[in-house]
């Protein structure tokens, strides 16, 4: 059983412009999305995955992710509900943790969110200067909700 423990923050500025950080282009959409479970199809550059996530409790939830053939992912995305999430993900290492900084495009243009995965909910971590407000518990910032109600429509 896999448990994802994640904290999410808004980002101020563009920290990835100061240096060359690894970046991936991600396109994802949702086959199923309700309070109890989310089923996501993701294409990250040339790799594809299907992910099933359980209900969020605090900053934790069950998560199961499996690679799938790229051609299958492309066809599954056509079956998905709602708009497609399109973003660039920058990986920025800070004090022993990797921050995933997502710069959104299309209907979510202008939104930049940083996520950190932790070993447990009480883990201490260094907050980089470019972190803004914490939005871990604000469901508007869940990618699955951004696919239903885009940031530009708020």
C-alpha atoms as a PDB file:
ATOM      1  CA  UNK A   1       0.000   0.000   0.000  1.00  0.00           C
ATOM      2  CA  UNK A   2       1.377   3.428  -0.991  1.00  0.00           C
ATOM      3  CA  UNK A   3       0.593   6.543   1.000  1.00  0.00           C
ATOM      4  CA  UNK A   4       1.231   9.995  -0.420  1.00  0.00           C
ATOM      5  CA  UNK A   5       1.949  12.705   2.166  1.00  0.00           C
ATOM      6  CA  UNK A   6       2.099  16.033   0.426  1.00  0.00           C
ATOM      7  CA  UNK A   7       2.068  19.737   1.320  1.00  0.00           C
ATOM      8  CA  UNK A   8       1.205  22.328  -1.313  1.00  0.00           C
ATOM      9  CA  UNK A   9       2.072  26.040  -1.532  1.00  0.00           C
ATOM     10  CA  UNK A  10       1.617  28.898  -3.949  1.00  0.00           C
ATOM     11  CA  UNK A  11       4.865  30.177  -5.482  1.00  0.00           C
ATOM     12  CA  UNK A  12       6.007  33.782  -5.630  1.00  0.00           C
ATOM     13  CA  UNK A  13       8.355  34.706  -8.449  1.00  0.00           C
ATOM     14  CA  UNK A  14       9.952  32.236 -10.839  1.00  0.00           C
ATOM     15  CA  UNK A  15      12.610  30.297  -8.916  1.00  0.00           C
ATOM     16  CA  UNK A  16      13.307  27.956 -11.836  1.00  0.00           C
ATOM     17  CA  UNK A  17      14.624  30.842 -13.939  1.00  0.00           C
ATOM     18  CA  UNK A  18      17.641  31.352 -11.632  1.00  0.00           C
ATOM     19  CA  UNK A  19      19.212  28.031 -12.611  1.00  0.00           C
ATOM     20  CA  UNK A  20      18.702  25.097 -14.927  1.00  0.00           C
ATOM     21  CA  UNK A  21      16.392  22.691 -13.144  1.00  0.00           C
ATOM     22  CA  UNK A  22      15.071  19.438 -14.573  1.00  0.00           C
ATOM     23  CA  UNK A  23      11.716  20.059 -16.251  1.00  0.00           C
ATOM     24  CA  UNK A  24       8.977  17.828 -17.657  1.00  0.00           C
ATOM     25  CA  UNK A  25       5.983  18.712 -19.787  1.00  0.00           C
ATOM     26  CA  UNK A  26       2.926  17.068 -18.240  1.00  0.00           C
ATOM     27  CA  UNK A  27      -0.521  16.558 -19.726  1.00  0.00           C
ATOM     28  CA  UNK A  28      -3.112  14.851 -17.558  1.00  0.00           C
ATOM     29  CA  UNK A  29      -6.835  14.251 -17.335  1.00  0.00           C
ATOM     30  CA  UNK A  30      -9.267  12.361 -15.112  1.00  0.00           C
ATOM     31  CA  UNK A  31     -11.314   9.240 -15.841  1.00  0.00           C
ATOM     32  CA  UNK A  32     -12.974   9.426 -12.433  1.00  0.00           C
ATOM     33  CA  UNK A  33     -13.014  12.061  -9.765  1.00  0.00           C
ATOM     34  CA  UNK A  34     -15.134  12.053  -6.659  1.00  0.00           C
ATOM     35  CA  UNK A  35     -14.477  12.494  -2.952  1.00  0.00           C
ATOM     36  CA  UNK A  36     -13.557   8.825  -2.422  1.00  0.00           C
ATOM     37  CA  UNK A  37     -11.242   8.273  -5.398  1.00  0.00           C
ATOM     38  CA  UNK A  38      -9.517   9.857  -8.345  1.00  0.00           C
ATOM     39  CA  UNK A  39      -8.311   8.027 -11.453  1.00  0.00           C
ATOM     40  CA  UNK A  40      -5.802  10.050 -13.450  1.00  0.00           C
ATOM     41  CA  UNK A  41      -4.075   9.496 -16.783  1.00  0.00           C
ATOM     42  CA  UNK A  42      -0.768  11.351 -17.123  1.00  0.00           C
ATOM     43  CA  UNK A  43       1.724  11.793 -19.942  1.00  0.00           C
ATOM     44  CA  UNK A  44       5.068  13.200 -18.770  1.00  0.00           C
ATOM     45  CA  UNK A  45       7.228  13.854 -21.818  1.00  0.00           C
ATOM     46  CA  UNK A  46       7.284  10.368 -23.403  1.00  0.00           C
ATOM     47  CA  UNK A  47       6.213   8.321 -20.360  1.00  0.00           C
ATOM     48  CA  UNK A  48       2.628   7.526 -19.391  1.00  0.00           C
ATOM     49  CA  UNK A  49       0.950   6.481 -16.143  1.00  0.00           C
ATOM     50  CA  UNK A  50      -2.393   5.600 -14.654  1.00  0.00           C
ATOM     51  CA  UNK A  51      -2.820   6.702 -11.033  1.00  0.00           C
ATOM     52  CA  UNK A  52      -5.518   5.894  -8.505  1.00  0.00           C
ATOM     53  CA  UNK A  53      -5.733   8.110  -5.422  1.00  0.00           C
ATOM     54  CA  UNK A  54      -7.933   7.690  -2.384  1.00  0.00           C
ATOM     55  CA  UNK A  55      -9.681  10.334  -0.303  1.00  0.00           C
ATOM     56  CA  UNK A  56      -7.419  12.965   1.257  1.00  0.00           C
ATOM     57  CA  UNK A  57      -7.190  12.854   5.039  1.00  0.00           C
ATOM     58  CA  UNK A  58      -5.125  15.727   6.399  1.00  0.00           C
ATOM     59  CA  UNK A  59      -2.150  15.848   4.042  1.00  0.00           C
ATOM     60  CA  UNK A  60      -2.218  12.085   3.281  1.00  0.00           C
ATOM     61  CA  UNK A  61      -3.981   9.702   0.929  1.00  0.00           C
ATOM     62  CA  UNK A  62      -3.530   6.332  -0.697  1.00  0.00           C
ATOM     63  CA  UNK A  63      -1.829   6.479  -4.082  1.00  0.00           C
ATOM     64  CA  UNK A  64      -1.151   3.737  -6.627  1.00  0.00           C
ATOM     65  CA  UNK A  65       0.659   4.619  -9.870  1.00  0.00           C
ATOM     66  CA  UNK A  66       1.542   2.309 -12.746  1.00  0.00           C
ATOM     67  CA  UNK A  67       3.286   2.886 -16.088  1.00  0.00           C
ATOM     68  CA  UNK A  68       1.162   2.255 -19.181  1.00  0.00           C
ATOM     69  CA  UNK A  69       1.956   2.394 -22.911  1.00  0.00           C
ATOM     70  CA  UNK A  70       1.996   5.944 -24.287  1.00  0.00           C
ATOM     71  CA  UNK A  71      -0.492   5.085 -27.039  1.00  0.00           C
ATOM     72  CA  UNK A  72      -2.932   3.752 -24.401  1.00  0.00           C
ATOM     73  CA  UNK A  73      -2.585   6.951 -22.369  1.00  0.00           C
ATOM     74  CA  UNK A  74      -3.292   9.091 -25.435  1.00  0.00           C
ATOM     75  CA  UNK A  75      -6.491   7.125 -26.103  1.00  0.00           C
ATOM     76  CA  UNK A  76      -7.550   7.108 -22.428  1.00  0.00           C
ATOM     77  CA  UNK A  77      -7.190  10.888 -22.219  1.00  0.00           C
ATOM     78  CA  UNK A  78      -9.803  11.099 -24.969  1.00  0.00           C
ATOM     79  CA  UNK A  79     -12.244   9.305 -22.596  1.00  0.00           C
ATOM     80  CA  UNK A  80     -11.597  11.666 -19.689  1.00  0.00           C
ATOM     81  CA  UNK A  81     -14.055  14.131 -18.201  1.00  0.00           C
ATOM     82  CA  UNK A  82     -13.352  17.839 -18.227  1.00  0.00           C
ATOM     83  CA  UNK A  83     -10.463  19.893 -19.587  1.00  0.00           C
ATOM     84  CA  UNK A  84      -6.908  18.659 -19.790  1.00  0.00           C
ATOM     85  CA  UNK A  85      -4.329  19.877 -17.289  1.00  0.00           C
ATOM     86  CA  UNK A  86      -1.222  21.152 -19.079  1.00  0.00           C
ATOM     87  CA  UNK A  87       1.837  22.188 -17.065  1.00  0.00           C
ATOM     88  CA  UNK A  88       5.602  22.265 -16.822  1.00  0.00           C
ATOM     89  CA  UNK A  89       7.041  20.639 -13.706  1.00  0.00           C
ATOM     90  CA  UNK A  90      10.398  21.851 -12.386  1.00  0.00           C
ATOM     91  CA  UNK A  91      12.274  19.740  -9.822  1.00  0.00           C
ATOM     92  CA  UNK A  92      14.093  21.919  -7.298  1.00  0.00           C
ATOM     93  CA  UNK A  93      16.182  20.387  -4.504  1.00  0.00           C
ATOM     94  CA  UNK A  94      16.185  22.266  -1.195  1.00  0.00           C
ATOM     95  CA  UNK A  95      17.790  20.938   2.004  1.00  0.00           C
ATOM     96  CA  UNK A  96      17.338  17.247   1.241  1.00  0.00           C
ATOM     97  CA  UNK A  97      13.837  17.452  -0.278  1.00  0.00           C
ATOM     98  CA  UNK A  98      12.738  17.783  -3.888  1.00  0.00           C
ATOM     99  CA  UNK A  99      10.092  20.415  -4.563  1.00  0.00           C
ATOM    100  CA  UNK A 100       7.853  19.868  -7.597  1.00  0.00           C
ATOM    101  CA  UNK A 101       7.017  23.311  -8.943  1.00  0.00           C
ATOM    102  CA  UNK A 102       4.143  23.239 -11.434  1.00  0.00           C
ATOM    103  CA  UNK A 103       3.691  26.149 -13.837  1.00  0.00           C
ATOM    104  CA  UNK A 104       0.216  25.717 -15.340  1.00  0.00           C
ATOM    105  CA  UNK A 105      -0.851  26.598 -18.889  1.00  0.00           C
ATOM    106  CA  UNK A 106      -4.086  26.822 -20.895  1.00  0.00           C
ATOM    107  CA  UNK A 107      -7.134  27.429 -18.652  1.00  0.00           C
ATOM    108  CA  UNK A 108      -4.935  27.453 -15.538  1.00  0.00           C
ATOM    109  CA  UNK A 109      -2.324  29.894 -16.884  1.00  0.00           C
ATOM    110  CA  UNK A 110      -0.877  32.142 -14.204  1.00  0.00           C
ATOM    111  CA  UNK A 111      -1.052  29.521 -11.462  1.00  0.00           C
ATOM    112  CA  UNK A 112       2.234  28.228 -10.016  1.00  0.00           C
ATOM    113  CA  UNK A 113       2.149  25.680  -7.179  1.00  0.00           C
ATOM    114  CA  UNK A 114       4.970  23.910  -5.294  1.00  0.00           C
ATOM    115  CA  UNK A 115       4.485  20.505  -3.699  1.00  0.00           C
ATOM    116  CA  UNK A 116       6.718  18.602  -1.330  1.00  0.00           C
ATOM    117  CA  UNK A 117       6.295  14.913  -0.482  1.00  0.00           C
ATOM    118  CA  UNK A 118       7.147  14.057   3.105  1.00  0.00           C
ATOM    119  CA  UNK A 119       7.859  10.847   5.010  1.00  0.00           C
ATOM    120  CA  UNK A 120       5.136  11.792   7.542  1.00  0.00           C
ATOM    121  CA  UNK A 121       2.786  14.693   8.220  1.00  0.00           C
ATOM    122  CA  UNK A 122       4.903  16.065  11.067  1.00  0.00           C
ATOM    123  CA  UNK A 123       8.199  16.174   9.113  1.00  0.00           C
ATOM    124  CA  UNK A 124      10.162  19.401   9.340  1.00  0.00           C
ATOM    125  CA  UNK A 125      11.413  20.948   6.113  1.00  0.00           C
ATOM    126  CA  UNK A 126      13.065  24.167   5.026  1.00  0.00           C
ATOM    127  CA  UNK A 127      10.725  26.613   3.320  1.00  0.00           C
ATOM    128  CA  UNK A 128      12.415  28.325   0.364  1.00  0.00           C
ATOM    129  CA  UNK A 129      12.033  32.115   0.100  1.00  0.00           C
ATOM    130  CA  UNK A 130       9.850  31.726  -3.001  1.00  0.00           C
ATOM    131  CA  UNK A 131       7.078  29.881  -1.139  1.00  0.00           C
ATOM    132  CA  UNK A 132       3.849  31.761  -0.667  1.00  0.00           C
ATOM    133  CA  UNK A 133       0.620  30.799   1.060  1.00  0.00           C
ATOM    134  CA  UNK A 134       0.063  27.145   1.983  1.00  0.00           C
ATOM    135  CA  UNK A 135      -2.905  25.668   0.097  1.00  0.00           C
ATOM    136  CA  UNK A 136      -2.619  22.015   1.166  1.00  0.00           C
ATOM    137  CA  UNK A 137      -6.165  21.956   2.528  1.00  0.00           C
ATOM    138  CA  UNK A 138      -7.775  24.131  -0.172  1.00  0.00           C
ATOM    139  CA  UNK A 139      -9.438  21.729  -2.640  1.00  0.00           C
ATOM    140  CA  UNK A 140      -9.524  24.391  -5.379  1.00  0.00           C
ATOM    141  CA  UNK A 141      -5.815  23.677  -5.912  1.00  0.00           C
ATOM    142  CA  UNK A 142      -6.175  19.920  -6.415  1.00  0.00           C
ATOM    143  CA  UNK A 143      -5.326  19.175 -10.038  1.00  0.00           C
ATOM    144  CA  UNK A 144      -8.540  17.202 -10.382  1.00  0.00           C
ATOM    145  CA  UNK A 145     -10.523  20.291  -9.348  1.00  0.00           C
ATOM    146  CA  UNK A 146      -8.486  22.547 -11.647  1.00  0.00           C
ATOM    147  CA  UNK A 147      -9.626  20.279 -14.479  1.00  0.00           C
ATOM    148  CA  UNK A 148     -13.259  21.025 -13.523  1.00  0.00           C
ATOM    149  CA  UNK A 149     -13.003  24.656 -12.453  1.00  0.00           C
ATOM    150  CA  UNK A 150      -9.975  26.310 -14.023  1.00  0.00           C
ATOM    151  CA  UNK A 151      -7.913  28.921 -12.180  1.00  0.00           C
ATOM    152  CA  UNK A 152      -8.665  31.580 -14.816  1.00  0.00           C
ATOM    153  CA  UNK A 153     -12.403  31.305 -14.026  1.00  0.00           C
ATOM    154  CA  UNK A 154     -12.090  32.085 -10.291  1.00  0.00           C
END
